[in-house]
Amino acid sequence: MWVGERFYSPQSFTLEAERLGVSKLIASIPKGLEIGRTKVLLAHRKAWRNKETAIFYAFVVRRVEVLVRVEDLSKEWVKRLRKRGVVVIAAYKEQKQMRIGGD
């Protein structure tokens, strides 16, 4: 999996990952992914001596979260996700806006 050089250097990504953990948005869950077992390798275009592409970081997937519309929560594919250990988060169509601070 790539880490975009526009947002992070390998060093800044590693420091943040060690402090906060890794969070990556993915389009779909890979077929063979096993939570707690699957290792993910991260690459960066300037990881080796600041000029060559290389793998610079690895981690084990500890948690996967999927946003699911409330009306889909009882569907079979959601049940299959839960059986795999995926955390299903209900996404409501209209979120109530909450004001923080101010008047």
N, C-alpha and C. Protein backbone atom coordinates (compact mmCIF):
# COMPACT_ATOMS: atom_id res chain seq x y z
N MET A 1 0.85 -1.16 0.00
CA MET A 1 0.00 0.00 0.00
C MET A 1 0.91 1.23 0.00
N TRP A 2 0.51 2.22 -0.77
CA TRP A 2 1.32 3.44 -0.91
C TRP A 2 0.96 4.50 0.12
N VAL A 3 1.96 5.25 0.53
CA VAL A 3 1.76 6.45 1.35
C VAL A 3 2.14 7.61 0.46
N GLY A 4 1.23 8.55 0.29
CA GLY A 4 1.45 9.66 -0.63
C GLY A 4 2.51 10.63 -0.14
N GLU A 5 3.47 10.91 -1.02
CA GLU A 5 4.56 11.82 -0.65
C GLU A 5 4.08 13.25 -0.49
N ARG A 6 2.91 13.56 -1.03
CA ARG A 6 2.35 14.90 -0.89
C ARG A 6 1.96 15.20 0.56
N PHE A 7 1.61 14.15 1.29
CA PHE A 7 1.12 14.33 2.66
C PHE A 7 2.15 13.97 3.72
N TYR A 8 2.99 12.99 3.45
CA TYR A 8 3.93 12.50 4.46
C TYR A 8 5.28 12.17 3.85
N SER A 9 6.30 12.37 4.66
CA SER A 9 7.60 11.75 4.36
C SER A 9 7.56 10.41 5.10
N PRO A 10 8.43 9.47 4.75
CA PRO A 10 8.45 8.21 5.50
C PRO A 10 8.67 8.44 7.01
N GLN A 11 9.53 9.39 7.33
CA GLN A 11 9.83 9.67 8.73
C GLN A 11 8.62 10.23 9.47
N SER A 12 7.92 11.20 8.87
CA SER A 12 6.77 11.79 9.56
C SER A 12 5.63 10.79 9.69
N PHE A 13 5.45 9.94 8.67
CA PHE A 13 4.41 8.91 8.76
C PHE A 13 4.72 7.94 9.90
N THR A 14 5.98 7.49 9.96
CA THR A 14 6.38 6.54 11.00
C THR A 14 6.19 7.12 12.39
N LEU A 15 6.59 8.36 12.59
CA LEU A 15 6.42 9.00 13.90
C LEU A 15 4.94 9.07 14.29
N GLU A 16 4.10 9.47 13.35
CA GLU A 16 2.66 9.56 13.63
C GLU A 16 2.06 8.17 13.87
N ALA A 17 2.47 7.19 13.09
CA ALA A 17 1.95 5.83 13.24
C ALA A 17 2.33 5.24 14.60
N GLU A 18 3.54 5.50 15.05
CA GLU A 18 3.97 4.99 16.35
C GLU A 18 3.19 5.67 17.48
N ARG A 19 2.84 6.92 17.29
CA ARG A 19 2.12 7.67 18.32
C ARG A 19 0.63 7.39 18.31
N LEU A 20 0.01 7.34 17.11
CA LEU A 20 -1.44 7.27 17.01
C LEU A 20 -1.98 5.99 16.38
N GLY A 21 -1.12 5.21 15.75
CA GLY A 21 -1.58 4.05 15.00
C GLY A 21 -1.79 4.43 13.54
N VAL A 22 -2.15 3.45 12.73
CA VAL A 22 -2.33 3.67 11.29
C VAL A 22 -3.81 3.60 10.96
N SER A 23 -4.27 4.55 10.18
CA SER A 23 -5.65 4.56 9.69
C SER A 23 -5.59 4.81 8.19
N LYS A 24 -6.10 3.87 7.41
CA LYS A 24 -6.08 4.01 5.95
C LYS A 24 -7.48 3.78 5.41
N LEU A 25 -7.92 4.64 4.52
CA LEU A 25 -9.19 4.47 3.83
C LEU A 25 -8.96 3.55 2.64
N ILE A 26 -9.77 2.49 2.55
CA ILE A 26 -9.64 1.56 1.43
C ILE A 26 -11.01 1.39 0.77
N ALA A 27 -11.00 1.09 -0.52
CA ALA A 27 -12.25 0.95 -1.27
C ALA A 27 -12.99 -0.33 -0.92
N SER A 28 -12.25 -1.38 -0.61
CA SER A 28 -12.88 -2.65 -0.24
C SER A 28 -11.92 -3.45 0.64
N ILE A 29 -12.46 -4.40 1.37
CA ILE A 29 -11.64 -5.23 2.24
C ILE A 29 -11.05 -6.37 1.40
N PRO A 30 -9.73 -6.52 1.38
CA PRO A 30 -9.13 -7.60 0.61
C PRO A 30 -9.67 -8.97 1.04
N LYS A 31 -9.84 -9.84 0.09
CA LYS A 31 -10.46 -11.15 0.32
C LYS A 31 -9.82 -11.95 1.45
N GLY A 32 -8.52 -12.06 1.47
CA GLY A 32 -7.86 -12.91 2.47
C GLY A 32 -7.50 -12.21 3.77
N LEU A 33 -7.93 -10.98 3.96
CA LEU A 33 -7.55 -10.23 5.15
C LEU A 33 -8.09 -10.88 6.41
N GLU A 34 -7.19 -11.12 7.37
CA GLU A 34 -7.58 -11.67 8.66
C GLU A 34 -7.16 -10.68 9.74
N ILE A 35 -8.14 -10.16 10.46
CA ILE A 35 -7.87 -9.19 11.51
C ILE A 35 -7.02 -9.86 12.59
N GLY A 36 -5.94 -9.19 12.97
CA GLY A 36 -5.02 -9.73 13.96
C GLY A 36 -3.90 -10.57 13.38
N ARG A 37 -3.97 -10.88 12.08
CA ARG A 37 -2.94 -11.72 11.45
C ARG A 37 -2.32 -11.10 10.21
N THR A 38 -3.13 -10.45 9.39
CA THR A 38 -2.64 -9.93 8.11
C THR A 38 -1.67 -8.76 8.33
N LYS A 39 -0.53 -8.84 7.65
CA LYS A 39 0.46 -7.76 7.71
C LYS A 39 0.30 -6.89 6.47
N VAL A 40 0.41 -5.59 6.67
CA VAL A 40 0.34 -4.63 5.57
C VAL A 40 1.71 -3.95 5.47
N LEU A 41 2.23 -3.90 4.25
CA LEU A 41 3.51 -3.24 3.99
C LEU A 41 3.22 -1.90 3.34
N LEU A 42 3.89 -0.86 3.80
CA LEU A 42 3.69 0.48 3.25
C LEU A 42 4.94 0.90 2.47
N ALA A 43 4.69 1.49 1.32
CA ALA A 43 5.78 1.95 0.45
C ALA A 43 5.67 3.45 0.23
N HIS A 44 6.79 4.04 -0.08
CA HIS A 44 6.86 5.49 -0.35
C HIS A 44 7.87 5.69 -1.48
N ARG A 45 7.58 6.65 -2.34
CA ARG A 45 8.46 6.87 -3.50
C ARG A 45 9.86 7.36 -3.13
N LYS A 46 10.00 7.95 -1.94
CA LYS A 46 11.32 8.46 -1.53
C LYS A 46 11.76 7.85 -0.20
N ALA A 47 11.49 6.58 -0.01
CA ALA A 47 11.79 5.93 1.27
C ALA A 47 13.27 5.58 1.43
N TRP A 48 13.94 5.27 0.35
CA TRP A 48 15.33 4.86 0.43
C TRP A 48 16.23 6.03 0.08
N ARG A 49 16.93 6.51 1.09
CA ARG A 49 17.86 7.64 0.93
C ARG A 49 17.20 8.86 0.28
N ASN A 50 15.94 9.05 0.59
CA ASN A 50 15.14 10.19 0.11
C ASN A 50 15.05 10.31 -1.40
N LYS A 51 15.28 9.19 -2.13
CA LYS A 51 15.16 9.31 -3.58
C LYS A 51 14.64 8.06 -4.28
N GLU A 52 14.59 6.92 -3.59
CA GLU A 52 14.15 5.69 -4.26
C GLU A 52 12.94 5.07 -3.57
N THR A 53 12.10 4.43 -4.37
CA THR A 53 10.92 3.75 -3.87
C THR A 53 11.32 2.54 -3.04
N ALA A 54 10.67 2.39 -1.88
CA ALA A 54 10.96 1.24 -1.03
C ALA A 54 9.83 1.04 -0.02
N ILE A 55 9.79 -0.15 0.56
CA ILE A 55 8.90 -0.42 1.68
C ILE A 55 9.58 0.15 2.92
N PHE A 56 8.83 0.89 3.73
CA PHE A 56 9.45 1.53 4.88
C PHE A 56 8.75 1.23 6.20
N TYR A 57 7.58 0.59 6.16
CA TYR A 57 6.83 0.36 7.40
C TYR A 57 5.91 -0.83 7.21
N ALA A 58 5.66 -1.56 8.28
CA ALA A 58 4.73 -2.69 8.24
C ALA A 58 3.92 -2.70 9.53
N PHE A 59 2.69 -3.17 9.44
CA PHE A 59 1.86 -3.30 10.63
C PHE A 59 0.88 -4.45 10.45
N VAL A 60 0.35 -4.94 11.56
CA VAL A 60 -0.68 -5.98 11.54
C VAL A 60 -2.03 -5.29 11.69
N VAL A 61 -2.98 -5.67 10.87
CA VAL A 61 -4.33 -5.10 10.93
C VAL A 61 -4.96 -5.53 12.25
N ARG A 62 -5.33 -4.57 13.08
CA ARG A 62 -5.94 -4.85 14.38
C ARG A 62 -7.44 -4.56 14.40
N ARG A 63 -7.89 -3.74 13.45
CA ARG A 63 -9.31 -3.35 13.44
C ARG A 63 -9.67 -2.88 12.05
N VAL A 64 -10.87 -3.24 11.61
CA VAL A 64 -11.42 -2.75 10.35
C VAL A 64 -12.81 -2.22 10.67
N GLU A 65 -13.09 -1.01 10.23
CA GLU A 65 -14.41 -0.40 10.43
C GLU A 65 -15.05 -0.15 9.08
N VAL A 66 -16.36 -0.42 9.00
CA VAL A 66 -17.11 -0.18 7.78
C VAL A 66 -18.36 0.62 8.13
N LEU A 67 -18.58 1.71 7.40
CA LEU A 67 -19.82 2.48 7.56
C LEU A 67 -20.91 1.81 6.74
N VAL A 68 -22.05 1.57 7.38
CA VAL A 68 -23.17 0.89 6.73
C VAL A 68 -24.43 1.71 6.97
N ARG A 69 -25.20 1.91 5.90
CA ARG A 69 -26.47 2.62 6.07
C ARG A 69 -27.36 1.84 7.02
N VAL A 70 -28.12 2.54 7.85
CA VAL A 70 -28.99 1.91 8.84
C VAL A 70 -29.91 0.89 8.19
N GLU A 71 -30.45 1.22 7.03
CA GLU A 71 -31.38 0.31 6.36
C GLU A 71 -30.71 -0.98 5.86
N ASP A 72 -29.39 -1.01 5.82
CA ASP A 72 -28.66 -2.21 5.37
C ASP A 72 -28.14 -3.08 6.51
N LEU A 73 -28.33 -2.65 7.75
CA LEU A 73 -27.72 -3.35 8.89
C LEU A 73 -28.13 -4.82 9.00
N SER A 74 -29.32 -5.17 8.57
CA SER A 74 -29.78 -6.56 8.72
C SER A 74 -29.48 -7.43 7.50
N LYS A 75 -28.82 -6.87 6.51
CA LYS A 75 -28.54 -7.63 5.28
C LYS A 75 -27.45 -8.68 5.51
N GLU A 76 -27.49 -9.70 4.69
CA GLU A 76 -26.58 -10.85 4.84
C GLU A 76 -25.11 -10.45 4.71
N TRP A 77 -24.77 -9.54 3.79
CA TRP A 77 -23.37 -9.16 3.61
C TRP A 77 -22.82 -8.46 4.85
N VAL A 78 -23.69 -7.76 5.59
CA VAL A 78 -23.26 -7.11 6.83
C VAL A 78 -22.98 -8.18 7.90
N LYS A 79 -23.82 -9.20 7.94
CA LYS A 79 -23.60 -10.31 8.88
C LYS A 79 -22.27 -11.01 8.60
N ARG A 80 -21.96 -11.17 7.32
CA ARG A 80 -20.68 -11.81 6.95
C ARG A 80 -19.49 -10.95 7.40
N LEU A 81 -19.62 -9.63 7.26
CA LEU A 81 -18.55 -8.74 7.73
C LEU A 81 -18.33 -8.91 9.23
N ARG A 82 -19.42 -8.92 9.98
CA ARG A 82 -19.31 -9.07 11.44
C ARG A 82 -18.65 -10.40 11.81
N LYS A 83 -18.97 -11.46 11.09
CA LYS A 83 -18.35 -12.77 11.37
C LYS A 83 -16.84 -12.73 11.15
N ARG A 84 -16.39 -11.87 10.25
CA ARG A 84 -14.95 -11.71 9.99
C ARG A 84 -14.27 -10.84 11.03
N GLY A 85 -15.05 -10.25 11.95
CA GLY A 85 -14.47 -9.40 12.98
C GLY A 85 -14.48 -7.92 12.64
N VAL A 86 -15.17 -7.56 11.56
CA VAL A 86 -15.24 -6.17 11.13
C VAL A 86 -16.20 -5.41 12.05
N VAL A 87 -15.81 -4.20 12.46
CA VAL A 87 -16.67 -3.34 13.26
C VAL A 87 -17.59 -2.59 12.31
N VAL A 88 -18.89 -2.81 12.47
CA VAL A 88 -19.88 -2.17 11.61
C VAL A 88 -20.41 -0.93 12.33
N ILE A 89 -20.34 0.20 11.64
CA ILE A 89 -20.80 1.47 12.20
C ILE A 89 -22.00 1.94 11.41
N ALA A 90 -23.11 2.19 12.11
CA ALA A 90 -24.33 2.64 11.45
C ALA A 90 -24.18 4.08 10.98
N ALA A 91 -24.48 4.30 9.72
CA ALA A 91 -24.41 5.65 9.13
C ALA A 91 -25.84 6.10 8.86
N TYR A 92 -26.24 7.16 9.50
CA TYR A 92 -27.58 7.69 9.34
C TYR A 92 -27.60 8.69 8.20
N LYS A 93 -28.71 8.73 7.45
CA LYS A 93 -28.82 9.66 6.32
C LYS A 93 -28.66 11.10 6.75
N GLU A 94 -29.43 11.50 7.73
CA GLU A 94 -29.38 12.89 8.19
C GLU A 94 -28.79 12.93 9.58
N GLN A 95 -27.68 13.60 9.70
CA GLN A 95 -27.05 13.77 11.00
C GLN A 95 -27.55 15.07 11.62
N LYS A 96 -27.90 15.01 12.89
CA LYS A 96 -28.27 16.24 13.59
C LYS A 96 -27.01 17.05 13.79
N GLN A 97 -27.09 18.32 13.49
CA GLN A 97 -25.92 19.17 13.69
C GLN A 97 -25.86 19.59 15.15
N MET A 98 -24.68 19.51 15.70
CA MET A 98 -24.49 19.86 17.09
C MET A 98 -23.63 21.11 17.15
N ARG A 99 -24.10 22.10 17.86
CA ARG A 99 -23.31 23.32 18.01
C ARG A 99 -22.39 23.18 19.21
N ILE A 100 -21.16 23.56 19.01
CA ILE A 100 -20.18 23.50 20.09
C ILE A 100 -19.72 24.92 20.37
N GLY A 101 -19.87 25.33 21.64
CA GLY A 101 -19.44 26.68 22.02
C GLY A 101 -20.34 27.76 21.44
N GLY A 102 -19.87 28.98 21.47
CA GLY A 102 -20.62 30.08 20.87
C GLY A 102 -21.70 30.63 21.78
N ASP A 103 -22.76 31.14 21.17
CA ASP A 103 -23.82 31.86 21.89
C ASP A 103 -24.42 31.00 22.94
